[in-house]
Amino acid sequence: SRPTHPYTIGLMNSVPGATGKKDRLDAIPGIVPSPLHWPSGC
């Protein structure tokens, strides 16, 4: 009902029909960073 973290919101929006759109899915931009070199901070 109230996802708060941007990643959780992205997951919810990527579910078919979640945002009311039927023509295309919302996708989280970019790719998961390498676990050998996690980004600093978040």
Full PDB file with SEQRES, HELIX, SHEET, SSBOND, CRYST1, ORIGX, SCALE, CONECT and MASTER records, all heavy atoms in Angstrom:
SEQRES   1 A   42  SER ARG PRO THR HIS PRO TYR THR ILE GLY LEU MET ASN          
SEQRES   2 A   42  SER VAL PRO GLY ALA THR GLY LYS LYS ASP ARG LEU ASP          
SEQRES   3 A   42  ALA ILE PRO GLY ILE VAL PRO SER PRO LEU HIS TRP PRO          
SEQRES   4 A   42  SER GLY CYS                                                  
HELIX    1 AA1 PRO A    6  ASN A   13  1                                   8    
CRYST1    1.000    1.000    1.000  90.00  90.00  90.00 P 1           1          
ORIGX1      1.000000  0.000000  0.000000        0.00000                         
ORIGX2      0.000000  1.000000  0.000000        0.00000                         
ORIGX3      0.000000  0.000000  1.000000        0.00000                         
SCALE1      1.000000  0.000000  0.000000        0.00000                         
SCALE2      0.000000  1.000000  0.000000        0.00000                         
SCALE3      0.000000  0.000000  1.000000        0.00000                         
ATOM      1  N   SER A   1       0.814  -1.216   0.000  1.00  0.00           N  
ATOM      2  CA  SER A   1       0.000   0.000   0.000  1.00  0.00           C  
ATOM      3  C   SER A   1       0.845   1.264   0.000  1.00  0.00           C  
ATOM      4  O   SER A   1       0.465   2.282  -0.584  1.00  0.00           O  
ATOM      5  CB  SER A   1      -0.940   0.017   1.213  1.00  0.00           C  
ATOM      6  OG  SER A   1      -0.192   0.053   2.424  1.00  0.00           O  
ATOM      7  N   ARG A   2       2.001   1.224   0.642  1.00  0.00           N  
ATOM      8  CA  ARG A   2       2.854   2.412   0.682  1.00  0.00           C  
ATOM      9  C   ARG A   2       4.342   2.037   0.681  1.00  0.00           C  
ATOM     10  O   ARG A   2       5.058   2.294   1.648  1.00  0.00           O  
ATOM     11  CB  ARG A   2       2.506   3.305   1.872  1.00  0.00           C  
ATOM     12  CG  ARG A   2       2.367   2.605   3.213  1.00  0.00           C  
ATOM     13  CD  ARG A   2       1.894   3.584   4.296  1.00  0.00           C  
ATOM     14  NE  ARG A   2       1.853   2.979   5.610  1.00  0.00           N  
ATOM     15  CZ  ARG A   2       0.839   2.229   6.049  1.00  0.00           C  
ATOM     16  NH1 ARG A   2      -0.204   1.989   5.264  1.00  0.00           N  
ATOM     17  NH2 ARG A   2       0.861   1.718   7.268  1.00  0.00           N  
ATOM     18  N   PRO A   3       4.818   1.446  -0.424  1.00  0.00           N  
ATOM     19  CA  PRO A   3       6.260   1.173  -0.534  1.00  0.00           C  
ATOM     20  C   PRO A   3       7.023   2.485  -0.473  1.00  0.00           C  
ATOM     21  O   PRO A   3       6.579   3.499  -1.023  1.00  0.00           O  
ATOM     22  CB  PRO A   3       6.384   0.505  -1.907  1.00  0.00           C  
ATOM     23  CG  PRO A   3       5.194   0.989  -2.674  1.00  0.00           C  
ATOM     24  CD  PRO A   3       4.096   1.129  -1.663  1.00  0.00           C  
ATOM     25  N   THR A   4       8.167   2.468   0.190  1.00  0.00           N  
ATOM     26  CA  THR A   4       8.872   3.726   0.459  1.00  0.00           C  
ATOM     27  C   THR A   4      10.238   3.796  -0.203  1.00  0.00           C  
ATOM     28  O   THR A   4      10.629   4.831  -0.732  1.00  0.00           O  
ATOM     29  CB  THR A   4       9.016   3.932   1.980  1.00  0.00           C  
ATOM     30  OG1 THR A   4       7.702   3.934   2.570  1.00  0.00           O  
ATOM     31  CG2 THR A   4       9.704   5.245   2.306  1.00  0.00           C  
ATOM     32  N   HIS A   5      11.004   2.706  -0.166  1.00  0.00           N  
ATOM     33  CA  HIS A   5      12.327   2.738  -0.791  1.00  0.00           C  
ATOM     34  C   HIS A   5      12.173   2.788  -2.315  1.00  0.00           C  
ATOM     35  O   HIS A   5      11.312   2.108  -2.880  1.00  0.00           O  
ATOM     36  CB  HIS A   5      13.133   1.496  -0.394  1.00  0.00           C  
ATOM     37  CG  HIS A   5      14.588   1.605  -0.718  1.00  0.00           C  
ATOM     38  ND1 HIS A   5      15.086   1.389  -1.992  1.00  0.00           N  
ATOM     39  CD2 HIS A   5      15.659   1.929   0.063  1.00  0.00           C  
ATOM     40  CE1 HIS A   5      16.392   1.559  -1.980  1.00  0.00           C  
ATOM     41  NE2 HIS A   5      16.767   1.892  -0.749  1.00  0.00           N  
ATOM     42  N   PRO A   6      12.979   3.588  -3.012  1.00  0.00           N  
ATOM     43  CA  PRO A   6      12.866   3.688  -4.472  1.00  0.00           C  
ATOM     44  C   PRO A   6      12.961   2.342  -5.185  1.00  0.00           C  
ATOM     45  O   PRO A   6      12.316   2.138  -6.220  1.00  0.00           O  
ATOM     46  CB  PRO A   6      14.039   4.599  -4.855  1.00  0.00           C  
ATOM     47  CG  PRO A   6      14.302   5.412  -3.639  1.00  0.00           C  
ATOM     48  CD  PRO A   6      13.994   4.527  -2.469  1.00  0.00           C  
ATOM     49  N   TYR A   7      13.754   1.419  -4.638  1.00  0.00           N  
ATOM     50  CA  TYR A   7      13.867   0.103  -5.271  1.00  0.00           C  
ATOM     51  C   TYR A   7      12.564  -0.676  -5.131  1.00  0.00           C  
ATOM     52  O   TYR A   7      12.092  -1.290  -6.094  1.00  0.00           O  
ATOM     53  CB  TYR A   7      15.023  -0.683  -4.651  1.00  0.00           C  
ATOM     54  CG  TYR A   7      15.160  -2.084  -5.211  1.00  0.00           C  
ATOM     55  CD1 TYR A   7      15.455  -2.282  -6.556  1.00  0.00           C  
ATOM     56  CD2 TYR A   7      14.979  -3.198  -4.406  1.00  0.00           C  
ATOM     57  CE1 TYR A   7      15.569  -3.568  -7.079  1.00  0.00           C  
ATOM     58  CE2 TYR A   7      15.098  -4.483  -4.918  1.00  0.00           C  
ATOM     59  CZ  TYR A   7      15.383  -4.660  -6.253  1.00  0.00           C  
ATOM     60  OH  TYR A   7      15.487  -5.930  -6.775  1.00  0.00           O  
ATOM     61  N   THR A   8      11.959  -0.653  -3.944  1.00  0.00           N  
ATOM     62  CA  THR A   8      10.680  -1.335  -3.736  1.00  0.00           C  
ATOM     63  C   THR A   8       9.615  -0.750  -4.644  1.00  0.00           C  
ATOM     64  O   THR A   8       8.820  -1.478  -5.250  1.00  0.00           O  
ATOM     65  CB  THR A   8      10.239  -1.218  -2.262  1.00  0.00           C  
ATOM     66  OG1 THR A   8      11.302  -1.595  -1.397  1.00  0.00           O  
ATOM     67  CG2 THR A   8       9.040  -2.111  -1.984  1.00  0.00           C  
ATOM     68  N   ILE A   9       9.588   0.571  -4.750  1.00  0.00           N  
ATOM     69  CA  ILE A   9       8.632   1.237  -5.642  1.00  0.00           C  
ATOM     70  C   ILE A   9       8.859   0.791  -7.086  1.00  0.00           C  
ATOM     71  O   ILE A   9       7.910   0.517  -7.824  1.00  0.00           O  
ATOM     72  CB  ILE A   9       8.756   2.771  -5.509  1.00  0.00           C  
ATOM     73  CG1 ILE A   9       8.342   3.212  -4.102  1.00  0.00           C  
ATOM     74  CG2 ILE A   9       7.911   3.480  -6.570  1.00  0.00           C  
ATOM     75  CD1 ILE A   9       8.632   4.669  -3.792  1.00  0.00           C  
ATOM     76  N   GLY A  10      10.121   0.682  -7.487  1.00  0.00           N  
ATOM     77  CA  GLY A  10      10.445   0.218  -8.826  1.00  0.00           C  
ATOM     78  C   GLY A  10       9.968  -1.195  -9.072  1.00  0.00           C  
ATOM     79  O   GLY A  10       9.446  -1.516 -10.151  1.00  0.00           O  
ATOM     80  N   LEU A  11      10.129  -2.076  -8.076  1.00  0.00           N  
ATOM     81  CA  LEU A  11       9.649  -3.451  -8.200  1.00  0.00           C  
ATOM     82  C   LEU A  11       8.133  -3.475  -8.378  1.00  0.00           C  
ATOM     83  O   LEU A  11       7.596  -4.208  -9.217  1.00  0.00           O  
ATOM     84  CB  LEU A  11      10.033  -4.272  -6.967  1.00  0.00           C  
ATOM     85  CG  LEU A  11      11.488  -4.683  -6.806  1.00  0.00           C  
ATOM     86  CD1 LEU A  11      11.652  -5.493  -5.520  1.00  0.00           C  
ATOM     87  CD2 LEU A  11      11.978  -5.510  -7.989  1.00  0.00           C  
ATOM     88  N   MET A  12       7.437  -2.681  -7.574  1.00  0.00           N  
ATOM     89  CA  MET A  12       5.973  -2.638  -7.666  1.00  0.00           C  
ATOM     90  C   MET A  12       5.525  -2.138  -9.035  1.00  0.00           C  
ATOM     91  O   MET A  12       4.602  -2.676  -9.640  1.00  0.00           O  
ATOM     92  CB  MET A  12       5.410  -1.712  -6.578  1.00  0.00           C  
ATOM     93  CG  MET A  12       5.675  -2.171  -5.163  1.00  0.00           C  
ATOM     94  SD  MET A  12       4.890  -3.756  -4.824  1.00  0.00           S  
ATOM     95  CE  MET A  12       5.512  -4.054  -3.171  1.00  0.00           C  
ATOM     96  N   ASN A  13       6.182  -1.119  -9.533  1.00  0.00           N  
ATOM     97  CA  ASN A  13       5.786  -0.531 -10.814  1.00  0.00           C  
ATOM     98  C   ASN A  13       6.109  -1.419 -12.009  1.00  0.00           C  
ATOM     99  O   ASN A  13       5.562  -1.226 -13.097  1.00  0.00           O  
ATOM    100  CB  ASN A  13       6.451   0.834 -11.011  1.00  0.00           C  
ATOM    101  CG  ASN A  13       5.885   1.894 -10.080  1.00  0.00           C  
ATOM    102  OD1 ASN A  13       4.783   1.738  -9.551  1.00  0.00           O  
ATOM    103  ND2 ASN A  13       6.638   2.958  -9.867  1.00  0.00           N  
ATOM    104  N   SER A  14       7.028  -2.373 -11.799  1.00  0.00           N  
ATOM    105  CA  SER A  14       7.400  -3.263 -12.907  1.00  0.00           C  
ATOM    106  C   SER A  14       6.465  -4.456 -13.046  1.00  0.00           C  
ATOM    107  O   SER A  14       6.592  -5.243 -13.987  1.00  0.00           O  
ATOM    108  CB  SER A  14       8.843  -3.755 -12.729  1.00  0.00           C  
ATOM    109  OG  SER A  14       8.954  -4.577 -11.579  1.00  0.00           O  
ATOM    110  N   VAL A  15       5.515  -4.590 -12.104  1.00  0.00           N  
ATOM    111  CA  VAL A  15       4.522  -5.660 -12.205  1.00  0.00           C  
ATOM    112  C   VAL A  15       3.519  -5.299 -13.301  1.00  0.00           C  
ATOM    113  O   VAL A  15       3.050  -4.164 -13.347  1.00  0.00           O  
ATOM    114  CB  VAL A  15       3.788  -5.853 -10.860  1.00  0.00           C  
ATOM    115  CG1 VAL A  15       2.672  -6.875 -11.012  1.00  0.00           C  
ATOM    116  CG2 VAL A  15       4.762  -6.287  -9.782  1.00  0.00           C  
ATOM    117  N   PRO A  16       3.206  -6.220 -14.211  1.00  0.00           N  
ATOM    118  CA  PRO A  16       2.249  -5.908 -15.285  1.00  0.00           C  
ATOM    119  C   PRO A  16       0.941  -5.338 -14.744  1.00  0.00           C  
ATOM    120  O   PRO A  16       0.330  -5.912 -13.837  1.00  0.00           O  
ATOM    121  CB  PRO A  16       2.012  -7.267 -15.957  1.00  0.00           C  
ATOM    122  CG  PRO A  16       3.271  -8.029 -15.681  1.00  0.00           C  
ATOM    123  CD  PRO A  16       3.729  -7.595 -14.326  1.00  0.00           C  
ATOM    124  N   GLY A  17       0.531  -4.187 -15.277  1.00  0.00           N  
ATOM    125  CA  GLY A  17      -0.719  -3.562 -14.877  1.00  0.00           C  
ATOM    126  C   GLY A  17      -0.646  -2.720 -13.626  1.00  0.00           C  
ATOM    127  O   GLY A  17      -1.630  -2.109 -13.215  1.00  0.00           O  
ATOM    128  N   ALA A  18       0.557  -2.648 -12.998  1.00  0.00           N  
ATOM    129  CA  ALA A  18       0.657  -1.938 -11.724  1.00  0.00           C  
ATOM    130  C   ALA A  18       0.404  -0.445 -11.863  1.00  0.00           C  
ATOM    131  O   ALA A  18      -0.162   0.188 -10.980  1.00  0.00           O  
ATOM    132  CB  ALA A  18       2.043  -2.171 -11.112  1.00  0.00           C  
ATOM    133  N   THR A  19       0.831   0.146 -12.952  1.00  0.00           N  
ATOM    134  CA  THR A  19       0.684   1.588 -13.127  1.00  0.00           C  
ATOM    135  C   THR A  19      -0.477   1.948 -14.044  1.00  0.00           C  
ATOM    136  O   THR A  19      -0.629   3.097 -14.438  1.00  0.00           O  
ATOM    137  CB  THR A  19       1.978   2.190 -13.713  1.00  0.00           C  
ATOM    138  OG1 THR A  19       2.259   1.541 -14.957  1.00  0.00           O  
ATOM    139  CG2 THR A  19       3.150   1.990 -12.778  1.00  0.00           C  
ATOM    140  N   GLY A  20      -1.293   0.962 -14.379  1.00  0.00           N  
ATOM    141  CA  GLY A  20      -2.439   1.220 -15.238  1.00  0.00           C  
ATOM    142  C   GLY A  20      -2.110   1.218 -16.712  1.00  0.00           C  
ATOM    143  O   GLY A  20      -2.986   1.360 -17.558  1.00  0.00           O  
ATOM    144  N   LYS A  21      -0.842   1.072 -17.070  1.00  0.00           N  
ATOM    145  CA  LYS A  21      -0.441   1.046 -18.474  1.00  0.00           C  
ATOM    146  C   LYS A  21      -0.516  -0.382 -19.011  1.00  0.00           C  
ATOM    147  O   LYS A  21      -0.152  -1.315 -18.326  1.00  0.00           O  
ATOM    148  CB  LYS A  21       0.986   1.577 -18.632  1.00  0.00           C  
ATOM    149  CG  LYS A  21       1.175   3.012 -18.160  1.00  0.00           C  
ATOM    150  CD  LYS A  21       2.642   3.399 -18.290  1.00  0.00           C  
ATOM    151  CE  LYS A  21       2.896   4.815 -17.770  1.00  0.00           C  
ATOM    152  NZ  LYS A  21       4.322   5.176 -17.843  1.00  0.00           N  
ATOM    153  N   LYS A  22      -0.959  -0.515 -20.218  1.00  0.00           N  
ATOM    154  CA  LYS A  22      -1.061  -1.839 -20.815  1.00  0.00           C  
ATOM    155  C   LYS A  22      -0.096  -2.030 -21.977  1.00  0.00           C  
ATOM    156  O   LYS A  22       0.115  -3.140 -22.442  1.00  0.00           O  
ATOM    157  CB  LYS A  22      -2.493  -2.084 -21.300  1.00  0.00           C  
ATOM    158  CG  LYS A  22      -3.515  -2.116 -20.162  1.00  0.00           C  
ATOM    159  CD  LYS A  22      -4.906  -2.457 -20.674  1.00  0.00           C  
ATOM    160  CE  LYS A  22      -5.892  -2.518 -19.517  1.00  0.00           C  
ATOM    161  NZ  LYS A  22      -7.264  -2.838 -19.984  1.00  0.00           N  
ATOM    162  N   ASP A  23       0.481  -0.908 -22.468  1.00  0.00           N  
ATOM    163  CA  ASP A  23       1.321  -1.019 -23.656  1.00  0.00           C  
ATOM    164  C   ASP A  23       2.759  -1.403 -23.349  1.00  0.00           C  
ATOM    165  O   ASP A  23       3.414  -2.079 -24.115  1.00  0.00           O  
ATOM    166  CB  ASP A  23       1.282   0.282 -24.463  1.00  0.00           C  
ATOM    167  CG  ASP A  23       1.642   1.499 -23.613  1.00  0.00           C  
ATOM    168  OD1 ASP A  23       1.564   1.386 -22.382  1.00  0.00           O  
ATOM    169  OD2 ASP A  23       1.988   2.545 -24.191  1.00  0.00           O  
ATOM    170  N   ARG A  24       3.279  -0.976 -22.204  1.00  0.00           N  
ATOM    171  CA  ARG A  24       4.660  -1.326 -21.866  1.00  0.00           C  
ATOM    172  C   ARG A  24       4.845  -1.331 -20.355  1.00  0.00           C  
ATOM    173  O   ARG A  24       4.110  -0.688 -19.615  1.00  0.00           O  
ATOM    174  CB  ARG A  24       5.654  -0.366 -22.514  1.00  0.00           C  
ATOM    175  CG  ARG A  24       5.540   1.077 -22.066  1.00  0.00           C  
ATOM    176  CD  ARG A  24       6.570   1.956 -22.756  1.00  0.00           C  
ATOM    177  NE  ARG A  24       7.919   1.545 -22.409  1.00  0.00           N  
ATOM    178  CZ  ARG A  24       9.012   2.073 -22.964  1.00  0.00           C  
ATOM    179  NH1 ARG A  24       8.904   2.997 -23.901  1.00  0.00           N  
ATOM    180  NH2 ARG A  24      10.209   1.682 -22.600  1.00  0.00           N  
ATOM    181  N   LEU A  25       5.866  -2.073 -19.909  1.00  0.00           N  
ATOM    182  CA  LEU A  25       6.180  -2.168 -18.484  1.00  0.00           C  
ATOM    183  C   LEU A  25       7.146  -1.066 -18.080  1.00  0.00           C  
ATOM    184  O   LEU A  25       7.996  -0.643 -18.864  1.00  0.00           O  
ATOM    185  CB  LEU A  25       6.811  -3.528 -18.162  1.00  0.00           C  
ATOM    186  CG  LEU A  25       5.962  -4.783 -18.397  1.00  0.00           C  
ATOM    187  CD1 LEU A  25       6.800  -6.020 -18.096  1.00  0.00           C  
ATOM    188  CD2 LEU A  25       4.715  -4.773 -17.537  1.00  0.00           C  
ATOM    189  N   ASP A  26       7.000  -0.605 -16.852  1.00  0.00           N  
ATOM    190  CA  ASP A  26       8.009   0.284 -16.285  1.00  0.00           C  
ATOM    191  C   ASP A  26       9.191  -0.572 -15.855  1.00  0.00           C  
ATOM    192  O   ASP A  26       9.016  -1.627 -15.236  1.00  0.00           O  
ATOM    193  CB  ASP A  26       7.453   1.032 -15.074  1.00  0.00           C  
ATOM    194  CG  ASP A  26       6.529   2.167 -15.486  1.00  0.00           C  
ATOM    195  OD1 ASP A  26       6.468   2.438 -16.697  1.00  0.00           O  
ATOM    196  OD2 ASP A  26       5.880   2.763 -14.615  1.00  0.00           O  
ATOM    197  N   ALA A  27      10.382  -0.146 -16.158  1.00  0.00           N  
ATOM    198  CA  ALA A  27      11.588  -0.900 -15.789  1.00  0.00           C  
ATOM    199  C   ALA A  27      12.492  -0.018 -14.947  1.00  0.00           C  
ATOM    200  O   ALA A  27      12.528   1.205 -15.121  1.00  0.00           O  
ATOM    201  CB  ALA A  27      12.324  -1.368 -17.039  1.00  0.00           C  
ATOM    202  N   ILE A  28      13.219  -0.638 -14.023  1.00  0.00           N  
ATOM    203  CA  ILE A  28      14.207   0.085 -13.235  1.00  0.00           C  
ATOM    204  C   ILE A  28      15.419   0.320 -14.130  1.00  0.00           C  
ATOM    205  O   ILE A  28      15.970  -0.626 -14.691  1.00  0.00           O  
ATOM    206  CB  ILE A  28      14.612  -0.724 -11.987  1.00  0.00           C  
ATOM    207  CG1 ILE A  28      13.387  -0.988 -11.104  1.00  0.00           C  
ATOM    208  CG2 ILE A  28      15.684   0.017 -11.189  1.00  0.00           C  
ATOM    209  CD1 ILE A  28      13.660  -1.929  -9.949  1.00  0.00           C  
ATOM    210  N   PRO A  29      15.853   1.563 -14.293  1.00  0.00           N  
ATOM    211  CA  PRO A  29      16.985   1.835 -15.198  1.00  0.00           C  
ATOM    212  C   PRO A  29      18.294   1.248 -14.677  1.00  0.00           C  
ATOM    213  O   PRO A  29      18.457   1.007 -13.474  1.00  0.00           O  
ATOM    214  CB  PRO A  29      17.042   3.363 -15.229  1.00  0.00           C  
ATOM    215  CG  PRO A  29      16.415   3.791 -13.936  1.00  0.00           C  
ATOM    216  CD  PRO A  29      15.336   2.790 -13.656  1.00  0.00           C  
ATOM    217  N   GLY A  30      19.245   1.030 -15.597  1.00  0.00           N  
ATOM    218  CA  GLY A  30      20.572   0.567 -15.196  1.00  0.00           C  
ATOM    219  C   GLY A  30      20.617  -0.907 -14.865  1.00  0.00           C  
ATOM    220  O   GLY A  30      19.668  -1.658 -15.069  1.00  0.00           O  
ATOM    221  N   ILE A  31      21.758  -1.324 -14.321  1.00  0.00           N  
ATOM    222  CA  ILE A  31      21.971  -2.725 -13.944  1.00  0.00           C  
ATOM    223  C   ILE A  31      22.498  -2.792 -12.516  1.00  0.00           C  
ATOM    224  O   ILE A  31      23.002  -1.810 -11.973  1.00  0.00           O  
ATOM    225  CB  ILE A  31      22.962  -3.422 -14.902  1.00  0.00           C  
ATOM    226  CG1 ILE A  31      24.319  -2.719 -14.873  1.00  0.00           C  
ATOM    227  CG2 ILE A  31      22.400  -3.492 -16.308  1.00  0.00           C  
ATOM    228  CD1 ILE A  31      25.396  -3.444 -15.654  1.00  0.00           C  
ATOM    229  N   VAL A  32      22.376  -3.981 -11.934  1.00  0.00           N  
ATOM    230  CA  VAL A  32      22.893  -4.182 -10.575  1.00  0.00           C  
ATOM    231  C   VAL A  32      24.418  -4.054 -10.593  1.00  0.00           C  
ATOM    232  O   VAL A  32      25.079  -4.654 -11.448  1.00  0.00           O  
ATOM    233  CB  VAL A  32      22.497  -5.579 -10.045  1.00  0.00           C  
ATOM    234  CG1 VAL A  32      23.036  -5.784  -8.639  1.00  0.00           C  
ATOM    235  CG2 VAL A  32      20.988  -5.743 -10.072  1.00  0.00           C  
ATOM    236  N   PRO A  33      25.008  -3.276  -9.679  1.00  0.00           N  
ATOM    237  CA  PRO A  33      26.462  -3.125  -9.673  1.00  0.00           C  
ATOM    238  C   PRO A  33      27.170  -4.428  -9.307  1.00  0.00           C  
ATOM    239  O   PRO A  33      26.572  -5.333  -8.725  1.00  0.00           O  
ATOM    240  CB  PRO A  33      26.696  -2.048  -8.612  1.00  0.00           C  
ATOM    241  CG  PRO A  33      25.498  -2.102  -7.731  1.00  0.00           C  
ATOM    242  CD  PRO A  33      24.361  -2.478  -8.621  1.00  0.00           C  
ATOM    243  N   SER A  34      28.441  -4.519  -9.655  1.00  0.00           N  
ATOM    244  CA  SER A  34      29.223  -5.720  -9.369  1.00  0.00           C  
ATOM    245  C   SER A  34      29.487  -5.850  -7.866  1.00  0.00           C  
ATOM    246  O   SER A  34      29.880  -4.883  -7.218  1.00  0.00           O  
ATOM    247  CB  SER A  34      30.564  -5.657 -10.102  1.00  0.00           C  
ATOM    248  OG  SER A  34      31.441  -6.653  -9.623  1.00  0.00           O  
ATOM    249  N   PRO A  35      29.282  -7.049  -7.299  1.00  0.00           N  
ATOM    250  CA  PRO A  35      29.570  -7.246  -5.875  1.00  0.00           C  
ATOM    251  C   PRO A  35      31.065  -7.170  -5.555  1.00  0.00           C  
ATOM    252  O   PRO A  35      31.439  -7.108  -4.393  1.00  0.00           O  
ATOM    253  CB  PRO A  35      29.018  -8.651  -5.593  1.00  0.00           C  
ATOM    254  CG  PRO A  35      28.986  -9.322  -6.922  1.00  0.00           C  
ATOM    255  CD  PRO A  35      28.725  -8.251  -7.926  1.00  0.00           C  
ATOM    256  N   LEU A  36      31.905  -7.181  -6.586  1.00  0.00           N  
ATOM    257  CA  LEU A  36      33.342  -6.979  -6.365  1.00  0.00           C  
ATOM    258  C   LEU A  36      33.644  -5.520  -6.035  1.00  0.00           C  
ATOM    259  O   LEU A  36      34.622  -5.216  -5.343  1.00  0.00           O  
ATOM    260  CB  LEU A  36      34.131  -7.396  -7.606  1.00  0.00           C  
ATOM    261  CG  LEU A  36      34.350  -8.888  -7.814  1.00  0.00           C  
ATOM    262  CD1 LEU A  36      34.865  -9.145  -9.215  1.00  0.00           C  
ATOM    263  CD2 LEU A  36      35.303  -9.451  -6.769  1.00  0.00           C  
ATOM    264  N   HIS A  37      32.777  -4.622  -6.526  1.00  0.00           N  
ATOM    265  CA  HIS A  37      33.016  -3.193  -6.330  1.00  0.00           C  
ATOM    266  C   HIS A  37      31.677  -2.490  -6.094  1.00  0.00           C  
ATOM    267  O   HIS A  37      31.149  -1.823  -6.981  1.00  0.00           O  
ATOM    268  CB  HIS A  37      33.714  -2.588  -7.557  1.00  0.00           C  
ATOM    269  CG  HIS A  37      34.961  -3.311  -7.966  1.00  0.00           C  
ATOM    270  ND1 HIS A  37      36.135  -3.250  -7.239  1.00  0.00           N  
ATOM    271  CD2 HIS A  37      35.198  -4.147  -9.023  1.00  0.00           C  
ATOM    272  CE1 HIS A  37      37.051  -3.999  -7.843  1.00  0.00           C  
ATOM    273  NE2 HIS A  37      36.503  -4.555  -8.909  1.00  0.00           N  
ATOM    274  N   TRP A  38      31.119  -2.695  -4.897  1.00  0.00           N  
ATOM    275  CA  TRP A  38      29.862  -2.006  -4.595  1.00  0.00           C  
ATOM    276  C   TRP A  38      30.078  -0.492  -4.616  1.00  0.00           C  
ATOM    277  O   TRP A  38      31.125  -0.009  -4.213  1.00  0.00           O  
ATOM    278  CB  TRP A  38      29.340  -2.403  -3.220  1.00  0.00           C  
ATOM    279  CG  TRP A  38      28.870  -3.818  -3.040  1.00  0.00           C  
ATOM    280  CD1 TRP A  38      29.276  -4.678  -2.073  1.00  0.00           C  
ATOM    281  CD2 TRP A  38      27.886  -4.520  -3.803  1.00  0.00           C  
ATOM    282  NE1 TRP A  38      28.628  -5.882  -2.192  1.00  0.00           N  
ATOM    283  CE2 TRP A  38      27.760  -5.812  -3.249  1.00  0.00           C  
ATOM    284  CE3 TRP A  38      27.101  -4.184  -4.909  1.00  0.00           C  
ATOM    285  CZ2 TRP A  38      26.883  -6.758  -3.758  1.00  0.00           C  
ATOM    286  CZ3 TRP A  38      26.223  -5.140  -5.410  1.00  0.00           C  
ATOM    287  CH2 TRP A  38      26.119  -6.409  -4.845  1.00  0.00           C  
ATOM    288  N   PRO A  39      29.087   0.286  -5.055  1.00  0.00           N  
ATOM    289  CA  PRO A  39      29.227   1.750  -5.023  1.00  0.00           C  
ATOM    290  C   PRO A  39      29.345   2.259  -3.596  1.00  0.00           C  
ATOM    291  O   PRO A  39      28.856   1.625  -2.658  1.00  0.00           O  
ATOM    292  CB  PRO A  39      27.914   2.240  -5.662  1.00  0.00           C  
ATOM    293  CG  PRO A  39      27.337   1.056  -6.357  1.00  0.00           C  
ATOM    294  CD  PRO A  39      27.804  -0.152  -5.624  1.00  0.00           C  
ATOM    295  N   SER A  40      29.965   3.402  -3.430  1.00  0.00           N  
ATOM    296  CA  SER A  40      30.020   4.031  -2.109  1.00  0.00           C  
ATOM    297  C   SER A  40      28.629   4.527  -1.739  1.00  0.00           C  
ATOM    298  O   SER A  40      27.779   4.763  -2.599  1.00  0.00           O  
ATOM    299  CB  SER A  40      30.993   5.216  -2.123  1.00  0.00           C  
ATOM    300  OG  SER A  40      30.552   6.200  -3.047  1.00  0.00           O  
ATOM    301  N   GLY A  41      28.393   4.688  -0.441  1.00  0.00           N  
ATOM    302  CA  GLY A  41      27.104   5.195   0.008  1.00  0.00           C  
ATOM    303  C   GLY A  41      25.987   4.207  -0.252  1.00  0.00           C  
ATOM    304  O   GLY A  41      26.109   3.008   0.000  1.00  0.00           O  
ATOM    305  N   CYS A  42      24.888   4.714  -0.799  1.00  0.00           N  
ATOM    306  CA  CYS A  42      23.735   3.865  -1.116  1.00  0.00           C  
ATOM    307  C   CYS A  42      24.027   3.045  -2.363  1.00  0.00           C  
ATOM    308  O   CYS A  42      24.414   3.580  -3.402  1.00  0.00           O  
ATOM    309  CB  CYS A  42      22.493   4.731  -1.327  1.00  0.00           C  
ATOM    310  SG  CYS A  42      21.055   3.765  -1.859  1.00  0.00           S  
TER     311      CYS A  42                                                      
MASTER        0    0    0    1    0    0    0    6  310    1    0    4          
END                                                                             
